[in-house]
Amino acid sequence: MIKLVDITKEYEIGNEKTQILKKISLEIKDKEFIGILGSSGSGKSTLMHIVGLLDTPTGGKVIIEGKDTSSIKDNELSKLRNEYVGFVFQQFNLINKLTVFENICLPAIYSQKKLNYNIKEKALELMQKFSILDRKDYYPNKISGGQQQRVAIARALIMSPKLILADEPTGNLDTKTGDDILKLLEQLNKEFGVTVVIVTHEKDVAARTKRQIFIRDGEIAKKYL
């Protein structure tokens, strides 16, 4: 599904170069449920951005469905990201000027892909599934954090992506609500066959996944310290 080959990432500030990722190679298979575990500054979020095509590596290859993404033009890369990957962030990243319903529909409305379903009907189905239908016309700042994260997950699913990338999805939630969100991600993987990658610094969150990848100082480590 996704293969990273010798991925490096450097940032240059003035005359100094900082290496964030160092020769990372890994494979994410179809329908996997993976945790990427690392402390703050380990490079795990940078790695997630590269997997999700939000950032490009300094060196190495990102191969998706057998295609080397380094040879894809920017507009085609944006299209691939929009259709292939759904993102769930710690800060939810919802637009407060749009209603819950409008936030969920947004990726599909701006998609260049010809969709074989009714966007509004699918958004309503997702809201029903995630128990937020009664918040349809609310604005994000008028609902709870757990409800906002459910909206973010529904928005991530509106394009029927093959991959969900969740960056610290429970970070801004209380323990019970965070557990509910993890159960929801588990359900997406088990019942709907969506590949889910959770990026986290919390051992107990990563332990809920079926395979863990440990990142330390920009490299894959054998265990998490």
N, C-alpha and C. Protein backbone atom coordinates (compact mmCIF):
# COMPACT_ATOMS: atom_id res chain seq x y z
N MET A 1 0.83 -1.21 0.00
CA MET A 1 0.00 0.00 0.00
C MET A 1 0.87 1.27 0.00
N ILE A 2 1.66 1.44 1.09
CA ILE A 2 2.58 2.58 1.19
C ILE A 2 3.96 2.06 1.59
N LYS A 3 4.97 2.50 0.87
CA LYS A 3 6.33 2.07 1.17
C LYS A 3 7.24 3.29 1.22
N LEU A 4 7.97 3.43 2.31
CA LEU A 4 8.97 4.49 2.44
C LEU A 4 10.35 3.85 2.32
N VAL A 5 11.17 4.43 1.48
CA VAL A 5 12.51 3.90 1.23
C VAL A 5 13.56 4.97 1.52
N ASP A 6 14.34 4.75 2.59
CA ASP A 6 15.46 5.64 2.96
C ASP A 6 15.04 7.11 3.02
N ILE A 7 13.96 7.38 3.73
CA ILE A 7 13.45 8.75 3.82
C ILE A 7 14.29 9.60 4.76
N THR A 8 14.75 10.74 4.26
CA THR A 8 15.44 11.73 5.09
C THR A 8 14.70 13.06 4.96
N LYS A 9 14.81 13.87 6.01
CA LYS A 9 14.22 15.20 5.98
C LYS A 9 15.13 16.16 6.72
N GLU A 10 15.52 17.22 6.03
CA GLU A 10 16.39 18.25 6.61
C GLU A 10 15.73 19.62 6.49
N TYR A 11 15.98 20.45 7.48
CA TYR A 11 15.57 21.86 7.42
C TYR A 11 16.82 22.71 7.55
N GLU A 12 16.88 23.76 6.75
CA GLU A 12 18.05 24.64 6.78
C GLU A 12 17.65 25.99 7.36
N ILE A 13 18.29 26.36 8.45
CA ILE A 13 18.06 27.65 9.09
C ILE A 13 19.38 28.40 9.10
N GLY A 14 19.44 29.47 8.28
CA GLY A 14 20.71 30.18 8.12
C GLY A 14 21.70 29.27 7.43
N ASN A 15 22.84 29.09 8.05
CA ASN A 15 23.87 28.21 7.48
C ASN A 15 23.86 26.82 8.11
N GLU A 16 22.90 26.59 8.99
CA GLU A 16 22.86 25.31 9.69
C GLU A 16 21.75 24.41 9.16
N LYS A 17 22.07 23.11 9.06
CA LYS A 17 21.09 22.12 8.63
C LYS A 17 20.73 21.23 9.82
N THR A 18 19.44 21.00 9.98
CA THR A 18 18.97 20.10 11.04
C THR A 18 18.29 18.91 10.39
N GLN A 19 18.78 17.73 10.72
CA GLN A 19 18.21 16.52 10.14
C GLN A 19 17.12 15.98 11.07
N ILE A 20 15.91 15.93 10.54
CA ILE A 20 14.76 15.51 11.33
C ILE A 20 14.52 14.00 11.18
N LEU A 21 14.62 13.50 9.97
CA LEU A 21 14.46 12.07 9.71
C LEU A 21 15.72 11.52 9.07
N LYS A 22 16.11 10.31 9.48
CA LYS A 22 17.38 9.73 9.03
C LYS A 22 17.16 8.33 8.44
N LYS A 23 17.11 8.26 7.13
CA LYS A 23 17.07 6.97 6.43
C LYS A 23 15.98 6.03 6.96
N ILE A 24 14.75 6.51 7.00
CA ILE A 24 13.64 5.69 7.48
C ILE A 24 13.04 4.88 6.34
N SER A 25 12.95 3.58 6.56
CA SER A 25 12.30 2.69 5.60
C SER A 25 11.23 1.88 6.34
N LEU A 26 10.02 1.88 5.82
CA LEU A 26 8.96 1.08 6.42
C LEU A 26 7.85 0.86 5.40
N GLU A 27 6.99 -0.10 5.71
CA GLU A 27 5.88 -0.43 4.82
C GLU A 27 4.59 -0.47 5.62
N ILE A 28 3.56 0.15 5.08
CA ILE A 28 2.22 0.11 5.67
C ILE A 28 1.33 -0.67 4.72
N LYS A 29 0.82 -1.77 5.21
CA LYS A 29 0.02 -2.64 4.36
C LYS A 29 -1.46 -2.29 4.43
N ASP A 30 -2.18 -2.72 3.41
CA ASP A 30 -3.61 -2.46 3.33
C ASP A 30 -4.34 -3.03 4.55
N LYS A 31 -5.23 -2.23 5.14
CA LYS A 31 -6.10 -2.60 6.27
C LYS A 31 -5.36 -2.80 7.58
N GLU A 32 -4.13 -2.29 7.68
CA GLU A 32 -3.39 -2.35 8.95
C GLU A 32 -3.91 -1.31 9.94
N PHE A 33 -3.63 -1.56 11.22
CA PHE A 33 -3.94 -0.61 12.29
C PHE A 33 -2.65 -0.41 13.07
N ILE A 34 -1.98 0.72 12.81
CA ILE A 34 -0.60 0.94 13.24
C ILE A 34 -0.50 2.14 14.20
N GLY A 35 0.41 2.03 15.14
CA GLY A 35 0.75 3.17 15.99
C GLY A 35 2.19 3.60 15.72
N ILE A 36 2.37 4.89 15.50
CA ILE A 36 3.73 5.45 15.41
C ILE A 36 3.97 6.21 16.71
N LEU A 37 4.88 5.69 17.52
CA LEU A 37 5.08 6.18 18.88
C LEU A 37 6.43 6.87 19.01
N GLY A 38 6.41 8.07 19.55
CA GLY A 38 7.65 8.81 19.75
C GLY A 38 7.43 10.00 20.65
N SER A 39 8.47 10.43 21.33
CA SER A 39 8.38 11.59 22.22
C SER A 39 8.36 12.87 21.40
N SER A 40 8.13 13.98 22.06
CA SER A 40 8.15 15.28 21.38
C SER A 40 9.51 15.53 20.76
N GLY A 41 9.53 15.93 19.48
CA GLY A 41 10.79 16.20 18.80
C GLY A 41 11.45 14.98 18.18
N SER A 42 10.79 13.83 18.26
CA SER A 42 11.39 12.60 17.73
C SER A 42 11.34 12.52 16.21
N GLY A 43 10.43 13.30 15.60
CA GLY A 43 10.28 13.27 14.14
C GLY A 43 9.02 12.56 13.68
N LYS A 44 8.20 12.10 14.63
CA LYS A 44 7.03 11.30 14.27
C LYS A 44 5.99 12.09 13.48
N SER A 45 5.78 13.36 13.83
CA SER A 45 4.80 14.17 13.08
C SER A 45 5.31 14.51 11.68
N THR A 46 6.60 14.76 11.57
CA THR A 46 7.20 14.99 10.24
C THR A 46 7.03 13.76 9.38
N LEU A 47 7.23 12.60 9.97
CA LEU A 47 7.04 11.34 9.25
C LEU A 47 5.59 11.20 8.78
N MET A 48 4.64 11.53 9.66
CA MET A 48 3.23 11.46 9.30
C MET A 48 2.91 12.39 8.13
N HIS A 49 3.46 13.60 8.16
CA HIS A 49 3.23 14.57 7.09
C HIS A 49 3.76 14.06 5.75
N ILE A 50 4.87 13.35 5.79
CA ILE A 50 5.44 12.79 4.55
C ILE A 50 4.59 11.62 4.06
N VAL A 51 4.16 10.75 4.97
CA VAL A 51 3.28 9.63 4.59
C VAL A 51 1.98 10.17 3.99
N GLY A 52 1.46 11.27 4.56
CA GLY A 52 0.20 11.85 4.10
C GLY A 52 0.35 12.82 2.94
N LEU A 53 1.56 12.94 2.40
CA LEU A 53 1.83 13.81 1.24
C LEU A 53 1.59 15.29 1.53
N LEU A 54 1.69 15.65 2.82
CA LEU A 54 1.61 17.06 3.20
C LEU A 54 2.99 17.72 3.12
N ASP A 55 4.03 16.89 3.10
CA ASP A 55 5.40 17.38 3.03
C ASP A 55 6.19 16.43 2.14
N THR A 56 7.28 16.92 1.60
CA THR A 56 8.12 16.09 0.74
C THR A 56 9.46 15.82 1.43
N PRO A 57 10.02 14.63 1.27
CA PRO A 57 11.29 14.33 1.91
C PRO A 57 12.46 15.01 1.21
N THR A 58 13.55 15.17 1.94
CA THR A 58 14.78 15.68 1.34
C THR A 58 15.42 14.61 0.48
N GLY A 59 15.30 13.37 0.93
CA GLY A 59 15.83 12.24 0.17
C GLY A 59 14.99 11.01 0.39
N GLY A 60 15.13 10.03 -0.49
CA GLY A 60 14.36 8.80 -0.39
C GLY A 60 13.09 8.84 -1.22
N LYS A 61 12.32 7.76 -1.13
CA LYS A 61 11.12 7.63 -1.96
C LYS A 61 9.89 7.30 -1.12
N VAL A 62 8.76 7.90 -1.51
CA VAL A 62 7.45 7.54 -0.97
C VAL A 62 6.69 6.87 -2.11
N ILE A 63 6.40 5.59 -1.95
CA ILE A 63 5.74 4.82 -3.00
C ILE A 63 4.33 4.46 -2.53
N ILE A 64 3.33 4.89 -3.27
CA ILE A 64 1.94 4.60 -2.94
C ILE A 64 1.31 3.79 -4.06
N GLU A 65 0.80 2.63 -3.70
CA GLU A 65 0.19 1.71 -4.68
C GLU A 65 1.14 1.47 -5.86
N GLY A 66 2.44 1.33 -5.54
CA GLY A 66 3.44 1.04 -6.56
C GLY A 66 3.93 2.24 -7.34
N LYS A 67 3.40 3.44 -7.02
CA LYS A 67 3.78 4.65 -7.77
C LYS A 67 4.71 5.53 -6.94
N ASP A 68 5.85 5.88 -7.51
CA ASP A 68 6.81 6.77 -6.87
C ASP A 68 6.26 8.20 -6.90
N THR A 69 5.90 8.75 -5.74
CA THR A 69 5.24 10.06 -5.70
C THR A 69 6.18 11.22 -6.06
N SER A 70 7.50 10.97 -6.07
CA SER A 70 8.44 12.04 -6.43
C SER A 70 8.33 12.42 -7.89
N SER A 71 7.74 11.56 -8.70
CA SER A 71 7.59 11.82 -10.13
C SER A 71 6.22 12.43 -10.48
N ILE A 72 5.41 12.69 -9.45
CA ILE A 72 4.06 13.22 -9.67
C ILE A 72 4.06 14.73 -9.56
N LYS A 73 3.38 15.41 -10.46
CA LYS A 73 3.28 16.86 -10.42
C LYS A 73 2.45 17.31 -9.22
N ASP A 74 2.66 18.58 -8.81
CA ASP A 74 2.03 19.09 -7.58
C ASP A 74 0.51 18.98 -7.60
N ASN A 75 -0.12 19.32 -8.72
CA ASN A 75 -1.58 19.28 -8.76
C ASN A 75 -2.10 17.84 -8.68
N GLU A 76 -1.36 16.91 -9.27
CA GLU A 76 -1.74 15.50 -9.21
C GLU A 76 -1.51 14.95 -7.80
N LEU A 77 -0.46 15.45 -7.15
CA LEU A 77 -0.15 15.03 -5.78
C LEU A 77 -1.26 15.49 -4.82
N SER A 78 -1.73 16.72 -5.00
CA SER A 78 -2.82 17.25 -4.19
C SER A 78 -4.09 16.44 -4.39
N LYS A 79 -4.34 16.06 -5.62
CA LYS A 79 -5.52 15.25 -5.94
C LYS A 79 -5.42 13.87 -5.28
N LEU A 80 -4.23 13.26 -5.36
CA LEU A 80 -4.01 11.96 -4.74
C LEU A 80 -4.21 12.04 -3.22
N ARG A 81 -3.66 13.08 -2.61
CA ARG A 81 -3.79 13.26 -1.16
C ARG A 81 -5.25 13.42 -0.76
N ASN A 82 -5.99 14.21 -1.51
CA ASN A 82 -7.39 14.48 -1.21
C ASN A 82 -8.24 13.22 -1.29
N GLU A 83 -7.92 12.36 -2.24
CA GLU A 83 -8.73 11.16 -2.47
C GLU A 83 -8.25 9.94 -1.67
N TYR A 84 -6.98 9.91 -1.33
CA TYR A 84 -6.38 8.70 -0.76
C TYR A 84 -6.26 8.75 0.76
N VAL A 85 -6.07 9.97 1.31
CA VAL A 85 -5.77 10.11 2.73
C VAL A 85 -6.82 10.99 3.43
N GLY A 86 -7.23 10.54 4.61
CA GLY A 86 -8.07 11.35 5.49
C GLY A 86 -7.28 11.69 6.74
N PHE A 87 -7.34 12.95 7.20
CA PHE A 87 -6.54 13.40 8.34
C PHE A 87 -7.42 13.70 9.55
N VAL A 88 -6.93 13.31 10.71
CA VAL A 88 -7.57 13.64 11.98
C VAL A 88 -6.48 14.23 12.88
N PHE A 89 -6.68 15.48 13.33
CA PHE A 89 -5.65 16.18 14.08
C PHE A 89 -6.05 16.41 15.54
N GLN A 90 -5.05 16.60 16.37
CA GLN A 90 -5.28 16.87 17.80
C GLN A 90 -6.14 18.11 18.00
N GLN A 91 -5.89 19.14 17.18
CA GLN A 91 -6.62 20.41 17.33
C GLN A 91 -7.91 20.44 16.52
N PHE A 92 -8.29 19.31 15.94
CA PHE A 92 -9.53 19.13 15.17
C PHE A 92 -9.49 19.82 13.80
N ASN A 93 -8.94 21.05 13.75
CA ASN A 93 -8.80 21.80 12.49
C ASN A 93 -10.13 21.98 11.75
N LEU A 94 -11.18 22.24 12.50
CA LEU A 94 -12.48 22.54 11.89
C LEU A 94 -12.59 24.03 11.63
N ILE A 95 -13.44 24.41 10.70
CA ILE A 95 -13.64 25.82 10.37
C ILE A 95 -14.85 26.34 11.13
N ASN A 96 -14.61 27.26 12.06
CA ASN A 96 -15.68 27.71 12.96
C ASN A 96 -16.78 28.50 12.26
N LYS A 97 -16.50 29.02 11.08
CA LYS A 97 -17.52 29.78 10.35
C LYS A 97 -18.47 28.87 9.59
N LEU A 98 -18.14 27.57 9.54
CA LEU A 98 -18.99 26.60 8.86
C LEU A 98 -19.66 25.69 9.89
N THR A 99 -20.85 25.23 9.58
CA THR A 99 -21.55 24.31 10.46
C THR A 99 -20.89 22.94 10.44
N VAL A 100 -21.28 22.07 11.36
CA VAL A 100 -20.81 20.69 11.38
C VAL A 100 -21.02 20.03 10.03
N PHE A 101 -22.22 20.17 9.50
CA PHE A 101 -22.57 19.58 8.20
C PHE A 101 -21.67 20.12 7.09
N GLU A 102 -21.45 21.42 7.07
CA GLU A 102 -20.63 22.05 6.03
C GLU A 102 -19.17 21.63 6.14
N ASN A 103 -18.66 21.49 7.38
CA ASN A 103 -17.28 21.04 7.58
C ASN A 103 -17.07 19.64 7.02
N ILE A 104 -18.04 18.76 7.25
CA ILE A 104 -17.91 17.38 6.78
C ILE A 104 -17.94 17.31 5.25
N CYS A 105 -18.77 18.12 4.64
CA CYS A 105 -18.92 18.10 3.18
C CYS A 105 -17.74 18.72 2.44
N LEU A 106 -16.98 19.57 3.12
CA LEU A 106 -15.99 20.43 2.47
C LEU A 106 -15.00 19.71 1.55
N PRO A 107 -14.32 18.63 1.99
CA PRO A 107 -13.34 17.99 1.10
C PRO A 107 -13.97 17.48 -0.20
N ALA A 108 -15.19 16.98 -0.12
CA ALA A 108 -15.85 16.44 -1.31
C ALA A 108 -16.28 17.56 -2.25
N ILE A 109 -16.68 18.69 -1.68
CA ILE A 109 -17.11 19.82 -2.50
C ILE A 109 -15.95 20.36 -3.33
N TYR A 110 -14.75 20.38 -2.73
CA TYR A 110 -13.58 20.92 -3.43
C TYR A 110 -12.82 19.86 -4.22
N SER A 111 -13.29 18.63 -4.20
CA SER A 111 -12.61 17.56 -4.92
C SER A 111 -12.75 17.71 -6.43
N GLN A 112 -11.68 17.34 -7.14
CA GLN A 112 -11.72 17.34 -8.61
C GLN A 112 -12.21 16.00 -9.15
N LYS A 113 -12.42 15.07 -8.24
CA LYS A 113 -12.84 13.73 -8.62
C LYS A 113 -14.36 13.68 -8.84
N LYS A 114 -14.78 12.96 -9.86
CA LYS A 114 -16.20 12.75 -10.10
C LYS A 114 -16.68 11.69 -9.12
N LEU A 115 -17.56 12.09 -8.21
CA LEU A 115 -18.01 11.20 -7.15
C LEU A 115 -19.25 10.42 -7.57
N ASN A 116 -19.29 9.17 -7.14
CA ASN A 116 -20.43 8.33 -7.51
C ASN A 116 -21.46 8.24 -6.38
N TYR A 117 -21.49 9.26 -5.55
CA TYR A 117 -22.47 9.30 -4.46
C TYR A 117 -22.90 10.75 -4.21
N ASN A 118 -24.00 10.90 -3.51
CA ASN A 118 -24.51 12.22 -3.15
C ASN A 118 -23.78 12.70 -1.89
N ILE A 119 -23.09 13.82 -1.99
CA ILE A 119 -22.26 14.32 -0.88
C ILE A 119 -23.10 14.56 0.37
N LYS A 120 -24.25 15.21 0.20
CA LYS A 120 -25.08 15.55 1.37
C LYS A 120 -25.62 14.30 2.04
N GLU A 121 -26.04 13.34 1.23
CA GLU A 121 -26.57 12.09 1.80
C GLU A 121 -25.48 11.34 2.57
N LYS A 122 -24.28 11.31 2.02
CA LYS A 122 -23.20 10.60 2.70
C LYS A 122 -22.82 11.30 4.01
N ALA A 123 -22.80 12.64 4.00
CA ALA A 123 -22.50 13.40 5.21
C ALA A 123 -23.53 13.10 6.31
N LEU A 124 -24.79 13.03 5.93
CA LEU A 124 -25.85 12.71 6.89
C LEU A 124 -25.68 11.29 7.44
N GLU A 125 -25.31 10.36 6.58
CA GLU A 125 -25.08 8.97 7.01
C GLU A 125 -23.92 8.90 8.02
N LEU A 126 -22.85 9.64 7.74
CA LEU A 126 -21.70 9.65 8.64
C LEU A 126 -22.07 10.27 9.99
N MET A 127 -22.83 11.35 9.95
CA MET A 127 -23.25 11.98 11.20
C MET A 127 -24.13 11.04 12.03
N GLN A 128 -25.00 10.32 11.34
CA GLN A 128 -25.85 9.33 12.02
C GLN A 128 -24.99 8.24 12.65
N LYS A 129 -24.01 7.75 11.90
CA LYS A 129 -23.12 6.68 12.37
C LYS A 129 -22.33 7.10 13.60
N PHE A 130 -21.90 8.36 13.63
CA PHE A 130 -21.04 8.83 14.71
C PHE A 130 -21.80 9.61 15.79
N SER A 131 -23.13 9.52 15.76
CA SER A 131 -23.99 10.10 16.80
C SER A 131 -23.83 11.62 16.94
N ILE A 132 -23.71 12.30 15.80
CA ILE A 132 -23.62 13.77 15.84
C ILE A 132 -24.66 14.41 14.90
N LEU A 133 -25.64 13.62 14.48
CA LEU A 133 -26.66 14.15 13.57
C LEU A 133 -27.43 15.29 14.20
N ASP A 134 -27.64 15.23 15.52
CA ASP A 134 -28.37 16.30 16.21
C ASP A 134 -27.55 17.58 16.32
N ARG A 135 -26.27 17.52 15.90
CA ARG A 135 -25.41 18.71 15.93
C ARG A 135 -25.17 19.24 14.50
N LYS A 136 -25.92 18.75 13.58
CA LYS A 136 -25.77 19.07 12.15
C LYS A 136 -25.61 20.57 11.87
N ASP A 137 -26.43 21.40 12.47
CA ASP A 137 -26.43 22.84 12.17
C ASP A 137 -25.69 23.67 13.22
N TYR A 138 -24.99 23.00 14.11
CA TYR A 138 -24.19 23.71 15.11
C TYR A 138 -22.85 24.13 14.49
N TYR A 139 -22.22 25.13 15.10
CA TYR A 139 -20.87 25.52 14.73
C TYR A 139 -19.88 24.81 15.65
N PRO A 140 -18.68 24.49 15.17
CA PRO A 140 -17.73 23.69 15.96
C PRO A 140 -17.46 24.21 17.36
N ASN A 141 -17.41 25.54 17.53
CA ASN A 141 -17.11 26.09 18.86
C ASN A 141 -18.29 26.01 19.81
N LYS A 142 -19.40 25.42 19.36
CA LYS A 142 -20.58 25.27 20.20
C LYS A 142 -20.84 23.82 20.59
N ILE A 143 -19.89 22.93 20.25
CA ILE A 143 -20.03 21.53 20.61
C ILE A 143 -18.80 21.08 21.40
N SER A 144 -18.88 19.92 22.04
CA SER A 144 -17.79 19.43 22.90
C SER A 144 -16.58 18.97 22.08
N GLY A 145 -15.45 18.79 22.78
CA GLY A 145 -14.24 18.33 22.10
C GLY A 145 -14.42 16.96 21.47
N GLY A 146 -15.09 16.05 22.19
CA GLY A 146 -15.33 14.72 21.64
C GLY A 146 -16.20 14.77 20.39
N GLN A 147 -17.21 15.66 20.40
CA GLN A 147 -18.06 15.82 19.22
C GLN A 147 -17.28 16.44 18.06
N GLN A 148 -16.39 17.39 18.38
CA GLN A 148 -15.56 17.99 17.33
C GLN A 148 -14.67 16.93 16.68
N GLN A 149 -14.11 16.02 17.48
CA GLN A 149 -13.25 14.99 16.91
C GLN A 149 -14.06 14.02 16.06
N ARG A 150 -15.30 13.76 16.44
CA ARG A 150 -16.18 12.91 15.61
C ARG A 150 -16.48 13.60 14.28
N VAL A 151 -16.67 14.91 14.33
CA VAL A 151 -16.87 15.67 13.10
C VAL A 151 -15.62 15.57 12.22
N ALA A 152 -14.44 15.69 12.84
CA ALA A 152 -13.18 15.61 12.08
C ALA A 152 -13.02 14.24 11.43
N ILE A 153 -13.42 13.18 12.14
CA ILE A 153 -13.32 11.83 11.58
C ILE A 153 -14.30 11.67 10.42
N ALA A 154 -15.53 12.18 10.60
CA ALA A 154 -16.52 12.12 9.52
C ALA A 154 -16.03 12.89 8.30
N ARG A 155 -15.42 14.04 8.53
CA ARG A 155 -14.86 14.84 7.42
C ARG A 155 -13.75 14.05 6.71
N ALA A 156 -12.93 13.35 7.50
CA ALA A 156 -11.84 12.56 6.93
C ALA A 156 -12.36 11.42 6.07
N LEU A 157 -13.58 10.95 6.36
CA LEU A 157 -14.14 9.79 5.66
C LEU A 157 -15.02 10.14 4.47
N ILE A 158 -15.34 11.43 4.30
CA ILE A 158 -16.30 11.81 3.26
C ILE A 158 -15.82 11.42 1.86
N MET A 159 -14.49 11.34 1.65
CA MET A 159 -13.96 10.97 0.35
C MET A 159 -13.67 9.46 0.23
N SER A 160 -14.11 8.71 1.24
CA SER A 160 -13.85 7.25 1.27
C SER A 160 -12.37 6.93 1.08
N PRO A 161 -11.50 7.52 1.92
CA PRO A 161 -10.05 7.28 1.74
C PRO A 161 -9.66 5.86 2.14
N LYS A 162 -8.53 5.42 1.62
CA LYS A 162 -8.01 4.11 2.01
C LYS A 162 -7.21 4.19 3.30
N LEU A 163 -6.75 5.42 3.63
CA LEU A 163 -5.86 5.61 4.77
C LEU A 163 -6.35 6.76 5.64
N ILE A 164 -6.42 6.52 6.97
CA ILE A 164 -6.68 7.58 7.93
C ILE A 164 -5.41 7.80 8.75
N LEU A 165 -4.91 9.03 8.77
CA LEU A 165 -3.77 9.41 9.60
C LEU A 165 -4.29 10.25 10.76
N ALA A 166 -4.11 9.75 11.97
CA ALA A 166 -4.61 10.45 13.16
C ALA A 166 -3.43 10.91 14.01
N ASP A 167 -3.23 12.22 14.10
CA ASP A 167 -2.11 12.80 14.83
C ASP A 167 -2.58 13.19 16.24
N GLU A 168 -2.14 12.45 17.26
CA GLU A 168 -2.54 12.67 18.65
C GLU A 168 -4.06 12.88 18.75
N PRO A 169 -4.87 11.95 18.26
CA PRO A 169 -6.32 12.17 18.19
C PRO A 169 -7.02 12.29 19.53
N THR A 170 -6.37 11.83 20.61
CA THR A 170 -6.97 11.92 21.95
C THR A 170 -6.32 13.00 22.81
N GLY A 171 -5.38 13.74 22.23
CA GLY A 171 -4.57 14.69 22.99
C GLY A 171 -5.34 15.78 23.71
N ASN A 172 -6.45 16.23 23.15
CA ASN A 172 -7.23 17.30 23.76
C ASN A 172 -8.52 16.81 24.40
N LEU A 173 -8.58 15.51 24.69
CA LEU A 173 -9.81 14.92 25.19
C LEU A 173 -9.60 14.29 26.56
N ASP A 174 -10.67 14.23 27.36
CA ASP A 174 -10.59 13.52 28.63
C ASP A 174 -10.49 12.02 28.37
N THR A 175 -10.19 11.26 29.41
CA THR A 175 -9.90 9.84 29.27
C THR A 175 -11.06 9.07 28.64
N LYS A 176 -12.27 9.30 29.12
CA LYS A 176 -13.43 8.56 28.59
C LYS A 176 -13.70 8.91 27.13
N THR A 177 -13.67 10.20 26.83
CA THR A 177 -13.93 10.63 25.45
C THR A 177 -12.83 10.13 24.52
N GLY A 178 -11.58 10.18 24.99
CA GLY A 178 -10.46 9.66 24.20
C GLY A 178 -10.63 8.18 23.91
N ASP A 179 -11.11 7.43 24.90
CA ASP A 179 -11.35 6.00 24.71
C ASP A 179 -12.44 5.77 23.66
N ASP A 180 -13.47 6.60 23.68
CA ASP A 180 -14.55 6.50 22.69
C ASP A 180 -14.01 6.73 21.28
N ILE A 181 -13.11 7.72 21.13
CA ILE A 181 -12.54 8.02 19.81
C ILE A 181 -11.66 6.87 19.33
N LEU A 182 -10.89 6.27 20.23
CA LEU A 182 -10.05 5.13 19.86
C LEU A 182 -10.92 3.94 19.44
N LYS A 183 -12.01 3.72 20.13
CA LYS A 183 -12.94 2.65 19.75
C LYS A 183 -13.51 2.91 18.35
N LEU A 184 -13.77 4.16 18.07
CA LEU A 184 -14.30 4.53 16.75
C LEU A 184 -13.27 4.25 15.66
N LEU A 185 -12.01 4.58 15.92
CA LEU A 185 -10.94 4.30 14.95
C LEU A 185 -10.74 2.80 14.78
N GLU A 186 -10.84 2.05 15.88
CA GLU A 186 -10.75 0.59 15.81
C GLU A 186 -11.88 0.02 14.95
N GLN A 187 -13.06 0.59 15.11
CA GLN A 187 -14.23 0.15 14.34
C GLN A 187 -14.03 0.41 12.84
N LEU A 188 -13.48 1.58 12.51
CA LEU A 188 -13.24 1.91 11.10
C LEU A 188 -12.29 0.90 10.47
N ASN A 189 -11.28 0.49 11.24
CA ASN A 189 -10.32 -0.48 10.73
C ASN A 189 -10.92 -1.88 10.62
N LYS A 190 -11.59 -2.32 11.67
CA LYS A 190 -12.09 -3.69 11.73
C LYS A 190 -13.29 -3.93 10.83
N GLU A 191 -14.25 -3.01 10.88
CA GLU A 191 -15.51 -3.24 10.18
C GLU A 191 -15.53 -2.68 8.76
N PHE A 192 -14.75 -1.63 8.51
CA PHE A 192 -14.81 -0.99 7.21
C PHE A 192 -13.52 -1.13 6.41
N GLY A 193 -12.50 -1.78 7.00
CA GLY A 193 -11.28 -2.07 6.27
C GLY A 193 -10.42 -0.86 5.94
N VAL A 194 -10.60 0.23 6.69
CA VAL A 194 -9.77 1.42 6.47
C VAL A 194 -8.44 1.25 7.18
N THR A 195 -7.35 1.51 6.49
CA THR A 195 -6.03 1.49 7.12
C THR A 195 -5.92 2.70 8.04
N VAL A 196 -5.54 2.47 9.30
CA VAL A 196 -5.47 3.55 10.28
C VAL A 196 -4.06 3.61 10.86
N VAL A 197 -3.49 4.82 10.86
CA VAL A 197 -2.18 5.06 11.49
C VAL A 197 -2.37 6.13 12.55
N ILE A 198 -2.09 5.79 13.80
CA ILE A 198 -2.19 6.74 14.90
C ILE A 198 -0.80 7.17 15.32
N VAL A 199 -0.56 8.48 15.29
CA VAL A 199 0.72 9.04 15.72
C VAL A 199 0.53 9.59 17.14
N THR A 200 1.35 9.13 18.07
CA THR A 200 1.13 9.50 19.47
C THR A 200 2.42 9.42 20.28
N HIS A 201 2.42 10.08 21.45
CA HIS A 201 3.53 9.93 22.39
C HIS A 201 3.07 9.09 23.59
N GLU A 202 1.82 8.66 23.58
CA GLU A 202 1.26 7.92 24.71
C GLU A 202 1.32 6.41 24.47
N LYS A 203 2.00 5.71 25.36
CA LYS A 203 2.17 4.26 25.22
C LYS A 203 0.83 3.52 25.22
N ASP A 204 -0.10 3.95 26.11
CA ASP A 204 -1.37 3.23 26.21
C ASP A 204 -2.22 3.40 24.96
N VAL A 205 -2.08 4.54 24.28
CA VAL A 205 -2.80 4.76 23.02
C VAL A 205 -2.21 3.86 21.93
N ALA A 206 -0.89 3.86 21.82
CA ALA A 206 -0.22 3.03 20.80
C ALA A 206 -0.49 1.55 21.04
N ALA A 207 -0.64 1.17 22.31
CA ALA A 207 -0.86 -0.24 22.64
C ALA A 207 -2.19 -0.76 22.10
N ARG A 208 -3.09 0.15 21.77
CA ARG A 208 -4.39 -0.25 21.22
C ARG A 208 -4.28 -0.69 19.75
N THR A 209 -3.17 -0.34 19.12
CA THR A 209 -2.99 -0.69 17.71
C THR A 209 -2.40 -2.09 17.58
N LYS A 210 -2.43 -2.64 16.38
CA LYS A 210 -1.97 -4.01 16.16
C LYS A 210 -0.46 -4.10 15.90
N ARG A 211 0.14 -2.98 15.52
CA ARG A 211 1.59 -2.94 15.29
C ARG A 211 2.10 -1.56 15.65
N GLN A 212 3.23 -1.52 16.36
CA GLN A 212 3.80 -0.24 16.76
C GLN A 212 5.16 -0.02 16.09
N ILE A 213 5.35 1.23 15.65
CA ILE A 213 6.64 1.65 15.08
C ILE A 213 7.19 2.73 16.01
N PHE A 214 8.38 2.50 16.55
CA PHE A 214 8.96 3.43 17.51
C PHE A 214 9.94 4.38 16.81
N ILE A 215 9.78 5.67 17.04
CA ILE A 215 10.65 6.69 16.43
C ILE A 215 11.43 7.40 17.54
N ARG A 216 12.74 7.43 17.40
CA ARG A 216 13.58 8.15 18.35
C ARG A 216 14.70 8.86 17.61
N ASP A 217 14.81 10.17 17.81
CA ASP A 217 15.85 10.98 17.15
C ASP A 217 15.85 10.80 15.64
N GLY A 218 14.66 10.73 15.06
CA GLY A 218 14.53 10.67 13.60
C GLY A 218 14.80 9.32 12.98
N GLU A 219 14.90 8.29 13.82
CA GLU A 219 15.17 6.94 13.33
C GLU A 219 14.18 5.94 13.92
N ILE A 220 14.01 4.82 13.24
CA ILE A 220 13.19 3.75 13.80
C ILE A 220 13.99 3.03 14.87
N ALA A 221 13.39 2.92 16.06
CA ALA A 221 14.06 2.27 17.19
C ALA A 221 13.42 0.92 17.48
N LYS A 222 14.12 0.08 18.22
CA LYS A 222 13.60 -1.25 18.54
C LYS A 222 12.54 -1.19 19.64
N LYS A 223 12.64 -0.16 20.49
CA LYS A 223 11.64 0.01 21.54
C LYS A 223 11.50 1.49 21.89
N TYR A 224 10.44 1.79 22.64
CA TYR A 224 10.16 3.19 22.99
C TYR A 224 10.76 3.48 24.37
N LEU A 225 11.54 4.53 24.45
CA LEU A 225 12.15 4.92 25.72
C LEU A 225 11.52 6.21 26.23
